[in-house]
Amino acid sequence: MTMADVTIHGAGIFGLSIAWECTRRGARVQVVDPNGPGAGSSGGIVGALSPHVPENWNDKKAFQFESLIVAEAFWAAVEAAGGVSPGYMRSGRLQPIADERALDLARIRAENAETLWRGKAQWRVRPAAELGDWCPPSPTGMVIHDTLSARMNPRRAGAALVAALAVRGVEVVADAPDRGAVIEATGLAGLESLNRLLGKPVGSGVKGQSALLRFQTAPEAPQIFADAVHIVPHADGTLAIGSTSEADYDHPEATDEQLDEVIARAMAAVPVLHGAPVIEVWAGVRPRARTRAPMLGEHPLRAGRFIANGGFKIGFGMAPKVAQVMADLVLEGRDAIPEGFRVEASL
């Protein structure tokens, strides 16, 4: 049987994950990115893989749920192939509950999760006292503890995919002529190109700022979401805090007082972080499609080309399932892309 040829433009999390899945299915793949792997927003530092709340279920939430469920096997296979750990662990997440109204809502969502999450993960309301010193203070004394959330080190995840692809003979190159089907996974630059081609906005960039602290937790410590801040312990003795969400910005890669505020909120929410040194700060622009969902499918103007873009804040969590449905479409002609994710939904 003749192997399919696939050219992927973009070596961010979508491009590399799709390359891995296509290669795994026997395609001959080349990945082209003049800036190298993880040069854009996929080179960030937070790595919070967290679900939407289990209510008002829709295609986006169901797709994300499936992706988070298959992520463990996906990343285990990548690590086994290339020998590089992505820093992945499904370690769960804690969220303090502010008041009685929020407590009632959390309990309703816990009931919903029993059905919507199909026994594959839990959303529980638990006394904070049960969860040890790492648990954040909670005004009600209760916290949400979900077992679906996971963490990863974004840069190590990119390196793990690059290593796994290299074992299969696939390198990321700066330039190469297109060969076979072409997938554009080019992030913000790709969205801006589409805006120009179509003469209307279909996507834009949203700046995010985050910080990395030196702080050691137990290896299995869950991430925390408190006061709209993600606090994510990593296995290497670092802890990530993020992030801002800025639609308007002048300096895409500069940090400022908005990040200082995020760090302060994290330390107020989790007092044991006080005194932990900041060892790195990061800023970058994340690609957001007009629908706020990933943009997947055939290119609207160019035959034989496809688009995988718009990961925004959930690209790493969505990547395993995005890789699956894009490989289905490009290699097998099987379209399993949710309606809200289709390119035309953003047009």
C-alpha atoms as a PDB file:
ATOM      1  CA  MET A   1       0.000   0.000   0.000  1.00  0.00           C
ATOM      2  CA  THR A   2       1.340   3.440  -0.942  1.00  0.00           C
ATOM      3  CA  MET A   3       1.969   5.653   2.067  1.00  0.00           C
ATOM      4  CA  ALA A   4       0.299   9.056   2.148  1.00  0.00           C
ATOM      5  CA  ASP A   5       2.445  12.187   2.144  1.00  0.00           C
ATOM      6  CA  VAL A   6       1.640  14.980   4.595  1.00  0.00           C
ATOM      7  CA  THR A   7       3.317  18.363   5.019  1.00  0.00           C
ATOM      8  CA  ILE A   8       2.623  20.196   8.251  1.00  0.00           C
ATOM      9  CA  HIS A   9       3.435  23.879   8.556  1.00  0.00           C
ATOM     10  CA  GLY A  10       3.939  24.801  12.194  1.00  0.00           C
ATOM     11  CA  ALA A  11       5.799  23.016  14.980  1.00  0.00           C
ATOM     12  CA  GLY A  12       3.625  24.088  17.878  1.00  0.00           C
ATOM     13  CA  ILE A  13       1.537  21.691  19.924  1.00  0.00           C
ATOM     14  CA  PHE A  14      -1.096  21.168  17.208  1.00  0.00           C
ATOM     15  CA  GLY A  15       1.405  20.666  14.389  1.00  0.00           C
ATOM     16  CA  LEU A  16       3.656  18.279  16.304  1.00  0.00           C
ATOM     17  CA  SER A  17       0.757  16.258  17.718  1.00  0.00           C
ATOM     18  CA  ILE A  18      -0.847  15.861  14.285  1.00  0.00           C
ATOM     19  CA  ALA A  19       2.524  14.884  12.836  1.00  0.00           C
ATOM     20  CA  TRP A  20       2.897  12.190  15.500  1.00  0.00           C
ATOM     21  CA  GLU A  21      -0.577  10.772  14.876  1.00  0.00           C
ATOM     22  CA  CYS A  22      -0.132  10.781  11.077  1.00  0.00           C
ATOM     23  CA  THR A  23       3.270   9.127  11.407  1.00  0.00           C
ATOM     24  CA  ARG A  24       1.841   6.563  13.799  1.00  0.00           C
ATOM     25  CA  ARG A  25      -0.690   5.640  11.098  1.00  0.00           C
ATOM     26  CA  GLY A  26       2.028   5.127   8.525  1.00  0.00           C
ATOM     27  CA  ALA A  27       2.067   8.442   6.653  1.00  0.00           C
ATOM     28  CA  ARG A  28       5.276  10.039   5.416  1.00  0.00           C
ATOM     29  CA  VAL A  29       5.355  13.348   7.237  1.00  0.00           C
ATOM     30  CA  GLN A  30       7.453  16.473   7.095  1.00  0.00           C
ATOM     31  CA  VAL A  31       7.138  19.338   9.573  1.00  0.00           C
ATOM     32  CA  VAL A  32       8.171  22.796   8.408  1.00  0.00           C
ATOM     33  CA  ASP A  33       8.703  25.744  10.736  1.00  0.00           C
ATOM     34  CA  PRO A  34      11.293  28.459  10.104  1.00  0.00           C
ATOM     35  CA  ASN A  35      11.311  29.324  13.810  1.00  0.00           C
ATOM     36  CA  GLY A  36      11.766  25.787  15.118  1.00  0.00           C
ATOM     37  CA  PRO A  37       9.648  23.763  17.559  1.00  0.00           C
ATOM     38  CA  GLY A  38       7.598  25.554  20.199  1.00  0.00           C
ATOM     39  CA  ALA A  39       8.639  29.017  19.065  1.00  0.00           C
ATOM     40  CA  GLY A  40       5.221  30.610  19.628  1.00  0.00           C
ATOM     41  CA  SER A  41       2.704  30.254  22.412  1.00  0.00           C
ATOM     42  CA  SER A  42       3.453  26.509  22.651  1.00  0.00           C
ATOM     43  CA  GLY A  43       6.738  27.497  24.289  1.00  0.00           C
ATOM     44  CA  GLY A  44       4.988  28.729  27.428  1.00  0.00           C
ATOM     45  CA  ILE A  45       5.465  27.523  30.995  1.00  0.00           C
ATOM     46  CA  VAL A  46       2.100  26.856  32.680  1.00  0.00           C
ATOM     47  CA  GLY A  47       0.785  23.489  31.432  1.00  0.00           C
ATOM     48  CA  ALA A  48      -2.644  23.389  33.092  1.00  0.00           C
ATOM     49  CA  LEU A  49      -4.853  20.795  31.383  1.00  0.00           C
ATOM     50  CA  SER A  50      -8.245  21.429  32.945  1.00  0.00           C
ATOM     51  CA  PRO A  51     -11.826  20.632  31.934  1.00  0.00           C
ATOM     52  CA  HIS A  52     -14.808  22.863  31.485  1.00  0.00           C
ATOM     53  CA  VAL A  53     -17.413  22.570  34.209  1.00  0.00           C
ATOM     54  CA  PRO A  54     -19.787  19.593  33.875  1.00  0.00           C
ATOM     55  CA  GLU A  55     -22.952  21.462  32.893  1.00  0.00           C
ATOM     56  CA  ASN A  56     -24.604  22.857  29.732  1.00  0.00           C
ATOM     57  CA  TRP A  57     -22.876  20.050  27.841  1.00  0.00           C
ATOM     58  CA  ASN A  58     -21.947  20.743  24.224  1.00  0.00           C
ATOM     59  CA  ASP A  59     -19.600  19.523  21.479  1.00  0.00           C
ATOM     60  CA  LYS A  60     -16.699  21.615  22.746  1.00  0.00           C
ATOM     61  CA  LYS A  61     -16.929  20.284  26.294  1.00  0.00           C
ATOM     62  CA  ALA A  62     -17.411  16.699  25.118  1.00  0.00           C
ATOM     63  CA  PHE A  63     -14.431  16.946  22.749  1.00  0.00           C
ATOM     64  CA  GLN A  64     -12.231  18.376  25.493  1.00  0.00           C
ATOM     65  CA  PHE A  65     -13.362  15.665  27.903  1.00  0.00           C
ATOM     66  CA  GLU A  66     -12.450  12.915  25.430  1.00  0.00           C
ATOM     67  CA  SER A  67      -9.089  14.543  24.778  1.00  0.00           C
ATOM     68  CA  LEU A  68      -8.265  14.748  28.481  1.00  0.00           C
ATOM     69  CA  ILE A  69      -9.236  11.093  28.899  1.00  0.00           C
ATOM     70  CA  VAL A  70      -7.021   9.851  26.045  1.00  0.00           C
ATOM     71  CA  ALA A  71      -4.141  12.182  26.976  1.00  0.00           C
ATOM     72  CA  GLU A  72      -2.518   9.745  29.403  1.00  0.00           C
ATOM     73  CA  ALA A  73      -2.123   7.042  26.756  1.00  0.00           C
ATOM     74  CA  PHE A  74      -1.150   9.598  24.114  1.00  0.00           C
ATOM     75  CA  TRP A  75       1.709  11.068  26.141  1.00  0.00           C
ATOM     76  CA  ALA A  76       2.834   7.678  27.435  1.00  0.00           C
ATOM     77  CA  ALA A  77       3.236   6.511  23.833  1.00  0.00           C
ATOM     78  CA  VAL A  78       5.164   9.654  22.909  1.00  0.00           C
ATOM     79  CA  GLU A  79       7.510   9.206  25.870  1.00  0.00           C
ATOM     80  CA  ALA A  80       8.003   5.508  25.135  1.00  0.00           C
ATOM     81  CA  ALA A  81       8.908   6.246  21.523  1.00  0.00           C
ATOM     82  CA  GLY A  82      11.349   9.084  22.054  1.00  0.00           C
ATOM     83  CA  GLY A  83      12.571   8.603  25.617  1.00  0.00           C
ATOM     84  CA  VAL A  84      11.748  12.180  26.676  1.00  0.00           C
ATOM     85  CA  SER A  85       9.205  12.842  29.411  1.00  0.00           C
ATOM     86  CA  PRO A  86       6.560  15.500  28.689  1.00  0.00           C
ATOM     87  CA  GLY A  87       6.078  16.026  32.424  1.00  0.00           C
ATOM     88  CA  TYR A  88       2.516  14.740  32.159  1.00  0.00           C
ATOM     89  CA  MET A  89       0.513  13.605  35.178  1.00  0.00           C
ATOM     90  CA  ARG A  90      -3.229  13.439  35.723  1.00  0.00           C
ATOM     91  CA  SER A  91      -2.889  14.849  39.214  1.00  0.00           C
ATOM     92  CA  GLY A  92      -6.263  16.587  39.541  1.00  0.00           C
ATOM     93  CA  ARG A  93      -7.218  20.079  40.624  1.00  0.00           C
ATOM     94  CA  LEU A  94      -8.441  21.871  43.754  1.00  0.00           C
ATOM     95  CA  GLN A  95     -10.691  24.944  43.773  1.00  0.00           C
ATOM     96  CA  PRO A  96     -11.760  26.805  46.916  1.00  0.00           C
ATOM     97  CA  ILE A  97     -15.500  27.530  47.207  1.00  0.00           C
ATOM     98  CA  ALA A  98     -16.276  31.134  48.083  1.00  0.00           C
ATOM     99  CA  ASP A  99     -19.814  31.081  49.534  1.00  0.00           C
ATOM    100  CA  GLU A 100     -22.980  29.051  50.031  1.00  0.00           C
ATOM    101  CA  ARG A 101     -24.320  29.817  46.564  1.00  0.00           C
ATOM    102  CA  ALA A 102     -21.110  28.582  44.968  1.00  0.00           C
ATOM    103  CA  LEU A 103     -21.223  25.521  47.230  1.00  0.00           C
ATOM    104  CA  ASP A 104     -24.732  24.636  46.044  1.00  0.00           C
ATOM    105  CA  LEU A 105     -23.645  25.040  42.423  1.00  0.00           C
ATOM    106  CA  ALA A 106     -20.555  22.861  42.981  1.00  0.00           C
ATOM    107  CA  ARG A 107     -22.739  20.082  44.375  1.00  0.00           C
ATOM    108  CA  ILE A 108     -25.071  20.251  41.363  1.00  0.00           C
ATOM    109  CA  ARG A 109     -22.046  19.991  39.075  1.00  0.00           C
ATOM    110  CA  ALA A 110     -20.810  16.999  41.049  1.00  0.00           C
ATOM    111  CA  GLU A 111     -24.109  15.245  40.282  1.00  0.00           C
ATOM    112  CA  ASN A 112     -23.827  16.224  36.604  1.00  0.00           C
ATOM    113  CA  ALA A 113     -20.292  14.843  36.411  1.00  0.00           C
ATOM    114  CA  GLU A 114     -21.488  11.402  37.494  1.00  0.00           C
ATOM    115  CA  THR A 115     -23.401  11.209  34.204  1.00  0.00           C
ATOM    116  CA  LEU A 116     -21.419  13.420  31.830  1.00  0.00           C
ATOM    117  CA  TRP A 117     -17.986  12.090  32.803  1.00  0.00           C
ATOM    118  CA  ARG A 118     -19.239   8.485  32.631  1.00  0.00           C
ATOM    119  CA  GLY A 119     -17.298   7.245  35.626  1.00  0.00           C
ATOM    120  CA  LYS A 120     -13.954   8.081  33.997  1.00  0.00           C
ATOM    121  CA  ALA A 121     -13.263  11.005  36.354  1.00  0.00           C
ATOM    122  CA  GLN A 122     -14.833  12.660  39.378  1.00  0.00           C
ATOM    123  CA  TRP A 123     -15.885  16.171  40.363  1.00  0.00           C
ATOM    124  CA  ARG A 124     -16.229  16.054  44.134  1.00  0.00           C
ATOM    125  CA  VAL A 125     -17.000  18.551  46.887  1.00  0.00           C
ATOM    126  CA  ARG A 126     -14.728  17.812  49.830  1.00  0.00           C
ATOM    127  CA  PRO A 127     -13.741  19.369  53.168  1.00  0.00           C
ATOM    128  CA  ALA A 128     -10.478  21.238  52.740  1.00  0.00           C
ATOM    129  CA  ALA A 129      -9.245  19.696  55.974  1.00  0.00           C
ATOM    130  CA  GLU A 130      -9.126  16.292  54.293  1.00  0.00           C
ATOM    131  CA  LEU A 131      -6.582  17.396  51.716  1.00  0.00           C
ATOM    132  CA  GLY A 132      -3.524  18.427  53.708  1.00  0.00           C
ATOM    133  CA  ASP A 133      -1.304  21.495  53.808  1.00  0.00           C
ATOM    134  CA  TRP A 134      -1.223  22.018  50.032  1.00  0.00           C
ATOM    135  CA  CYS A 135      -4.979  22.613  49.894  1.00  0.00           C
ATOM    136  CA  PRO A 136      -5.775  26.334  49.573  1.00  0.00           C
ATOM    137  CA  PRO A 137      -7.786  28.097  52.282  1.00  0.00           C
ATOM    138  CA  SER A 138     -11.494  28.179  51.452  1.00  0.00           C
ATOM    139  CA  PRO A 139     -14.092  30.553  52.949  1.00  0.00           C
ATOM    140  CA  THR A 140     -16.652  27.729  53.182  1.00  0.00           C
ATOM    141  CA  GLY A 141     -14.152  25.131  54.366  1.00  0.00           C
ATOM    142  CA  MET A 142     -15.011  23.129  51.256  1.00  0.00           C
ATOM    143  CA  VAL A 143     -13.205  22.699  47.935  1.00  0.00           C
ATOM    144  CA  ILE A 144     -13.897  21.211  44.531  1.00  0.00           C
ATOM    145  CA  HIS A 145     -11.585  18.301  43.791  1.00  0.00           C
ATOM    146  CA  ASP A 146     -11.713  17.006  40.229  1.00  0.00           C
ATOM    147  CA  THR A 147      -9.668  14.043  39.064  1.00  0.00           C
ATOM    148  CA  LEU A 148      -9.780  14.898  35.346  1.00  0.00           C
ATOM    149  CA  SER A 149      -7.345  17.828  35.362  1.00  0.00           C
ATOM    150  CA  ALA A 150      -3.741  17.080  34.473  1.00  0.00           C
ATOM    151  CA  ARG A 151      -0.470  18.940  34.209  1.00  0.00           C
ATOM    152  CA  MET A 152       2.396  18.920  31.793  1.00  0.00           C
ATOM    153  CA  ASN A 153       5.522  20.905  31.099  1.00  0.00           C
ATOM    154  CA  PRO A 154       4.776  22.602  27.747  1.00  0.00           C
ATOM    155  CA  ARG A 155       8.380  22.826  26.607  1.00  0.00           C
ATOM    156  CA  ARG A 156       9.156  19.263  27.606  1.00  0.00           C
ATOM    157  CA  ALA A 157       6.000  18.124  25.826  1.00  0.00           C
ATOM    158  CA  GLY A 158       7.231  19.754  22.631  1.00  0.00           C
ATOM    159  CA  ALA A 159      10.669  18.196  23.099  1.00  0.00           C
ATOM    160  CA  ALA A 160       9.066  14.793  23.727  1.00  0.00           C
ATOM    161  CA  LEU A 161       7.137  15.009  20.455  1.00  0.00           C
ATOM    162  CA  VAL A 162      10.230  16.123  18.546  1.00  0.00           C
ATOM    163  CA  ALA A 163      12.193  13.175  19.963  1.00  0.00           C
ATOM    164  CA  ALA A 164       9.423  10.687  19.175  1.00  0.00           C
ATOM    165  CA  LEU A 165       9.110  12.006  15.628  1.00  0.00           C
ATOM    166  CA  ALA A 166      12.882  11.824  15.129  1.00  0.00           C
ATOM    167  CA  VAL A 167      12.799   8.118  15.962  1.00  0.00           C
ATOM    168  CA  ARG A 168      10.278   7.767  13.130  1.00  0.00           C
ATOM    169  CA  GLY A 169      12.575   9.696  10.780  1.00  0.00           C
ATOM    170  CA  VAL A 170      10.700  13.002  10.950  1.00  0.00           C
ATOM    171  CA  GLU A 171      12.673  16.180  11.591  1.00  0.00           C
ATOM    172  CA  VAL A 172      11.442  19.752  11.957  1.00  0.00           C
ATOM    173  CA  VAL A 173      12.977  21.712   9.076  1.00  0.00           C
ATOM    174  CA  ALA A 174      13.091  25.431   8.367  1.00  0.00           C
ATOM    175  CA  ASP A 175      11.977  25.108   4.767  1.00  0.00           C
ATOM    176  CA  ALA A 176      10.908  22.409   2.309  1.00  0.00           C
ATOM    177  CA  PRO A 177       8.660  22.115  -0.729  1.00  0.00           C
ATOM    178  CA  ASP A 178       5.148  20.947   0.050  1.00  0.00           C
ATOM    179  CA  ARG A 179       4.501  17.263  -0.413  1.00  0.00           C
ATOM    180  CA  GLY A 180       1.066  15.664  -0.390  1.00  0.00           C
ATOM    181  CA  ALA A 181      -1.721  17.032   1.787  1.00  0.00           C
ATOM    182  CA  VAL A 182      -0.793  20.270   3.573  1.00  0.00           C
ATOM    183  CA  ILE A 183      -1.902  21.151   7.097  1.00  0.00           C
ATOM    184  CA  GLU A 184      -1.476  24.730   8.279  1.00  0.00           C
ATOM    185  CA  ALA A 185      -0.961  24.757  12.050  1.00  0.00           C
ATOM    186  CA  THR A 186       0.725  28.130  12.153  1.00  0.00           C
ATOM    187  CA  GLY A 187      -0.905  29.801  15.144  1.00  0.00           C
ATOM    188  CA  LEU A 188      -1.294  33.558  15.215  1.00  0.00           C
ATOM    189  CA  ALA A 189       0.485  34.064  11.875  1.00  0.00           C
ATOM    190  CA  GLY A 190      -1.956  31.642  10.277  1.00  0.00           C
ATOM    191  CA  LEU A 191      -4.987  33.442  11.695  1.00  0.00           C
ATOM    192  CA  GLU A 192      -3.668  36.789  10.513  1.00  0.00           C
ATOM    193  CA  SER A 193      -3.065  35.329   7.053  1.00  0.00           C
ATOM    194  CA  LEU A 194      -6.656  34.058   6.935  1.00  0.00           C
ATOM    195  CA  ASN A 195      -7.938  37.465   8.005  1.00  0.00           C
ATOM    196  CA  ARG A 196      -6.136  39.032   5.042  1.00  0.00           C
ATOM    197  CA  LEU A 197      -7.185  36.348   2.557  1.00  0.00           C
ATOM    198  CA  LEU A 198     -10.845  36.506   3.543  1.00  0.00           C
ATOM    199  CA  GLY A 199     -11.011  40.243   4.107  1.00  0.00           C
ATOM    200  CA  LYS A 200     -12.600  39.854   7.537  1.00  0.00           C
ATOM    201  CA  PRO A 201     -11.539  38.818  11.037  1.00  0.00           C
ATOM    202  CA  VAL A 202     -11.785  35.099  11.749  1.00  0.00           C
ATOM    203  CA  GLY A 203      -9.273  35.049  14.591  1.00  0.00           C
ATOM    204  CA  SER A 204      -6.895  37.147  16.630  1.00  0.00           C
ATOM    205  CA  GLY A 205      -4.195  36.986  19.258  1.00  0.00           C
ATOM    206  CA  VAL A 206      -4.637  37.219  23.021  1.00  0.00           C
ATOM    207  CA  LYS A 207      -1.550  37.935  25.082  1.00  0.00           C
ATOM    208  CA  GLY A 208      -0.812  35.927  28.199  1.00  0.00           C
ATOM    209  CA  GLN A 209       1.801  36.443  30.914  1.00  0.00           C
ATOM    210  CA  SER A 210       2.941  33.800  33.382  1.00  0.00           C
ATOM    211  CA  ALA A 211       5.668  33.077  35.906  1.00  0.00           C
ATOM    212  CA  LEU A 212       7.717  30.109  37.060  1.00  0.00           C
ATOM    213  CA  LEU A 213       8.672  29.775  40.729  1.00  0.00           C
ATOM    214  CA  ARG A 214      11.128  27.494  42.469  1.00  0.00           C
ATOM    215  CA  PHE A 215       8.846  25.568  44.809  1.00  0.00           C
ATOM    216  CA  GLN A 216       8.890  21.866  45.637  1.00  0.00           C
ATOM    217  CA  THR A 217       5.653  19.975  46.266  1.00  0.00           C
ATOM    218  CA  ALA A 218       4.857  16.293  46.524  1.00  0.00           C
ATOM    219  CA  PRO A 219       5.170  14.676  43.071  1.00  0.00           C
ATOM    220  CA  GLU A 220       1.443  13.988  42.892  1.00  0.00           C
ATOM    221  CA  ALA A 221       0.296  17.410  44.194  1.00  0.00           C
ATOM    222  CA  PRO A 222      -2.776  18.649  42.325  1.00  0.00           C
ATOM    223  CA  GLN A 223      -2.911  21.965  40.552  1.00  0.00           C
ATOM    224  CA  ILE A 224      -4.967  24.753  42.124  1.00  0.00           C
ATOM    225  CA  PHE A 225      -7.376  27.185  40.502  1.00  0.00           C
ATOM    226  CA  ALA A 226      -8.128  30.095  42.816  1.00  0.00           C
ATOM    227  CA  ASP A 227      -9.063  33.742  42.198  1.00  0.00           C
ATOM    228  CA  ALA A 228      -8.962  33.043  38.422  1.00  0.00           C
ATOM    229  CA  VAL A 229      -5.297  31.981  38.630  1.00  0.00           C
ATOM    230  CA  HIS A 230      -3.822  28.603  37.647  1.00  0.00           C
ATOM    231  CA  ILE A 231      -1.169  27.340  40.068  1.00  0.00           C
ATOM    232  CA  VAL A 232       0.537  24.286  38.602  1.00  0.00           C
ATOM    233  CA  PRO A 233       3.273  22.285  40.378  1.00  0.00           C
ATOM    234  CA  HIS A 234       5.672  20.459  38.069  1.00  0.00           C
ATOM    235  CA  ALA A 235       7.730  17.369  38.775  1.00  0.00           C
ATOM    236  CA  ASP A 236      11.061  19.206  38.435  1.00  0.00           C
ATOM    237  CA  GLY A 237      10.633  21.349  41.560  1.00  0.00           C
ATOM    238  CA  THR A 238       9.112  24.322  39.773  1.00  0.00           C
ATOM    239  CA  LEU A 239       5.634  25.781  39.990  1.00  0.00           C
ATOM    240  CA  ALA A 240       3.891  27.776  37.260  1.00  0.00           C
ATOM    241  CA  ILE A 241       1.452  30.636  37.778  1.00  0.00           C
ATOM    242  CA  GLY A 242      -0.707  32.070  35.031  1.00  0.00           C
ATOM    243  CA  SER A 243      -2.000  33.875  33.357  1.00  0.00           C
ATOM    244  CA  THR A 244      -3.219  37.209  32.101  1.00  0.00           C
ATOM    245  CA  SER A 245      -5.600  37.456  29.169  1.00  0.00           C
ATOM    246  CA  GLU A 246      -5.019  40.629  27.169  1.00  0.00           C
ATOM    247  CA  ALA A 247      -6.856  41.352  23.922  1.00  0.00           C
ATOM    248  CA  ASP A 248      -5.087  44.719  23.654  1.00  0.00           C
ATOM    249  CA  TYR A 249      -1.333  44.927  24.046  1.00  0.00           C
ATOM    250  CA  ASP A 250       1.633  46.910  22.739  1.00  0.00           C
ATOM    251  CA  HIS A 251       4.523  44.577  23.536  1.00  0.00           C
ATOM    252  CA  PRO A 252       3.653  40.919  22.871  1.00  0.00           C
ATOM    253  CA  GLU A 253       6.670  39.380  24.602  1.00  0.00           C
ATOM    254  CA  ALA A 254       7.122  41.798  27.522  1.00  0.00           C
ATOM    255  CA  THR A 255       5.897  41.247  31.069  1.00  0.00           C
ATOM    256  CA  ASP A 256       4.592  44.059  33.237  1.00  0.00           C
ATOM    257  CA  GLU A 257       2.629  44.905  36.370  1.00  0.00           C
ATOM    258  CA  GLN A 258      -0.287  42.727  35.241  1.00  0.00           C
ATOM    259  CA  LEU A 259       1.882  39.676  35.867  1.00  0.00           C
ATOM    260  CA  ASP A 260       2.896  41.080  39.255  1.00  0.00           C
ATOM    261  CA  GLU A 261      -0.802  41.181  40.139  1.00  0.00           C
ATOM    262  CA  VAL A 262      -1.313  37.555  39.071  1.00  0.00           C
ATOM    263  CA  ILE A 263       1.620  36.431  41.226  1.00  0.00           C
ATOM    264  CA  ALA A 264       0.266  38.403  44.197  1.00  0.00           C
ATOM    265  CA  ARG A 265      -3.179  36.813  43.792  1.00  0.00           C
ATOM    266  CA  ALA A 266      -1.632  33.350  43.667  1.00  0.00           C
ATOM    267  CA  MET A 267       0.316  33.946  46.870  1.00  0.00           C
ATOM    268  CA  ALA A 268      -2.772  35.341  48.601  1.00  0.00           C
ATOM    269  CA  ALA A 269      -4.758  32.280  47.559  1.00  0.00           C
ATOM    270  CA  VAL A 270      -2.017  29.804  48.541  1.00  0.00           C
ATOM    271  CA  PRO A 271      -0.053  31.384  51.418  1.00  0.00           C
ATOM    272  CA  VAL A 272       2.632  28.665  51.493  1.00  0.00           C
ATOM    273  CA  LEU A 273       3.967  30.162  48.246  1.00  0.00           C
ATOM    274  CA  HIS A 274       5.180  33.309  50.021  1.00  0.00           C
ATOM    275  CA  GLY A 275       8.936  33.580  49.705  1.00  0.00           C
ATOM    276  CA  ALA A 276       9.218  31.233  46.731  1.00  0.00           C
ATOM    277  CA  PRO A 277      11.606  32.848  44.214  1.00  0.00           C
ATOM    278  CA  VAL A 278      10.462  33.708  40.703  1.00  0.00           C
ATOM    279  CA  ILE A 279      12.984  32.083  38.359  1.00  0.00           C
ATOM    280  CA  GLU A 280      11.409  32.917  34.996  1.00  0.00           C
ATOM    281  CA  VAL A 281       8.695  35.096  33.507  1.00  0.00           C
ATOM    282  CA  TRP A 282       7.073  34.572  30.122  1.00  0.00           C
ATOM    283  CA  ALA A 283       4.788  36.469  27.787  1.00  0.00           C
ATOM    284  CA  GLY A 284       3.390  35.442  24.426  1.00  0.00           C
ATOM    285  CA  VAL A 285       0.371  35.712  22.183  1.00  0.00           C
ATOM    286  CA  ARG A 286      -2.048  32.794  21.909  1.00  0.00           C
ATOM    287  CA  PRO A 287      -4.125  32.241  18.755  1.00  0.00           C
ATOM    288  CA  ARG A 288      -7.885  32.519  19.327  1.00  0.00           C
ATOM    289  CA  ALA A 289     -10.418  31.768  16.610  1.00  0.00           C
ATOM    290  CA  ARG A 290     -13.535  33.939  16.480  1.00  0.00           C
ATOM    291  CA  THR A 291     -15.591  31.112  18.025  1.00  0.00           C
ATOM    292  CA  ARG A 292     -13.050  30.607  20.837  1.00  0.00           C
ATOM    293  CA  ALA A 293     -12.977  26.904  19.849  1.00  0.00           C
ATOM    294  CA  PRO A 294     -10.217  25.263  17.801  1.00  0.00           C
ATOM    295  CA  MET A 295     -10.505  25.874  14.057  1.00  0.00           C
ATOM    296  CA  LEU A 296     -10.196  22.552  12.218  1.00  0.00           C
ATOM    297  CA  GLY A 297     -10.869  21.313   8.703  1.00  0.00           C
ATOM    298  CA  GLU A 298     -10.380  22.083   5.042  1.00  0.00           C
ATOM    299  CA  HIS A 299      -8.952  25.425   3.981  1.00  0.00           C
ATOM    300  CA  PRO A 300     -11.790  27.639   2.696  1.00  0.00           C
ATOM    301  CA  LEU A 301      -9.852  28.898  -0.346  1.00  0.00           C
ATOM    302  CA  ARG A 302      -7.069  26.409  -1.102  1.00  0.00           C
ATOM    303  CA  ALA A 303      -7.851  22.908  -2.305  1.00  0.00           C
ATOM    304  CA  GLY A 304      -5.795  20.117  -0.748  1.00  0.00           C
ATOM    305  CA  ARG A 305      -4.918  22.212   2.293  1.00  0.00           C
ATOM    306  CA  PHE A 306      -6.236  21.970   5.821  1.00  0.00           C
ATOM    307  CA  ILE A 307      -6.206  24.159   8.936  1.00  0.00           C
ATOM    308  CA  ALA A 308      -5.577  23.265  12.588  1.00  0.00           C
ATOM    309  CA  ASN A 309      -5.456  26.449  14.620  1.00  0.00           C
ATOM    310  CA  GLY A 310      -6.987  28.399  17.488  1.00  0.00           C
ATOM    311  CA  GLY A 311      -5.738  26.395  20.466  1.00  0.00           C
ATOM    312  CA  PHE A 312      -5.865  29.551  22.626  1.00  0.00           C
ATOM    313  CA  LYS A 313      -5.737  28.530  26.307  1.00  0.00           C
ATOM    314  CA  ILE A 314      -6.707  24.879  25.808  1.00  0.00           C
ATOM    315  CA  GLY A 315      -4.406  23.786  22.994  1.00  0.00           C
ATOM    316  CA  PHE A 316      -2.353  21.317  25.027  1.00  0.00           C
ATOM    317  CA  GLY A 317      -5.457  19.727  26.518  1.00  0.00           C
ATOM    318  CA  MET A 318      -7.155  19.479  23.121  1.00  0.00           C
ATOM    319  CA  ALA A 319      -4.072  18.297  21.188  1.00  0.00           C
ATOM    320  CA  PRO A 320      -4.507  14.488  21.459  1.00  0.00           C
ATOM    321  CA  LYS A 321      -8.079  14.609  20.132  1.00  0.00           C
ATOM    322  CA  VAL A 322      -7.248  17.304  17.543  1.00  0.00           C
ATOM    323  CA  ALA A 323      -4.474  15.050  16.240  1.00  0.00           C
ATOM    324  CA  GLN A 324      -6.906  12.156  15.997  1.00  0.00           C
ATOM    325  CA  VAL A 325      -9.651  13.953  14.059  1.00  0.00           C
ATOM    326  CA  MET A 326      -7.205  15.723  11.726  1.00  0.00           C
ATOM    327  CA  ALA A 327      -5.512  12.411  10.887  1.00  0.00           C
ATOM    328  CA  ASP A 328      -8.965  10.894  10.322  1.00  0.00           C
ATOM    329  CA  LEU A 329      -9.817  13.683   7.893  1.00  0.00           C
ATOM    330  CA  VAL A 330      -6.532  13.984   6.008  1.00  0.00           C
ATOM    331  CA  LEU A 331      -5.555  10.321   5.794  1.00  0.00           C
ATOM    332  CA  GLU A 332      -8.917   8.561   5.731  1.00  0.00           C
ATOM    333  CA  GLY A 333     -11.369  11.175   4.493  1.00  0.00           C
ATOM    334  CA  ARG A 334     -13.428  10.649   7.642  1.00  0.00           C
ATOM    335  CA  ASP A 335     -14.831  13.869   9.070  1.00  0.00           C
ATOM    336  CA  ALA A 336     -15.451  13.678  12.835  1.00  0.00           C
ATOM    337  CA  ILE A 337     -14.889  17.379  13.541  1.00  0.00           C
ATOM    338  CA  PRO A 338     -17.611  18.942  15.747  1.00  0.00           C
ATOM    339  CA  GLU A 339     -19.745  21.568  14.000  1.00  0.00           C
ATOM    340  CA  GLY A 340     -18.522  24.346  16.266  1.00  0.00           C
ATOM    341  CA  PHE A 341     -14.888  23.541  15.467  1.00  0.00           C
ATOM    342  CA  ARG A 342     -15.188  23.683  11.693  1.00  0.00           C
ATOM    343  CA  VAL A 343     -13.338  26.402   9.839  1.00  0.00           C
ATOM    344  CA  GLU A 344     -16.603  27.693   8.387  1.00  0.00           C
ATOM    345  CA  ALA A 345     -17.939  28.302  11.929  1.00  0.00           C
ATOM    346  CA  SER A 346     -15.442  31.151  12.242  1.00  0.00           C
ATOM    347  CA  LEU A 347     -16.127  32.661   8.821  1.00  0.00           C
END
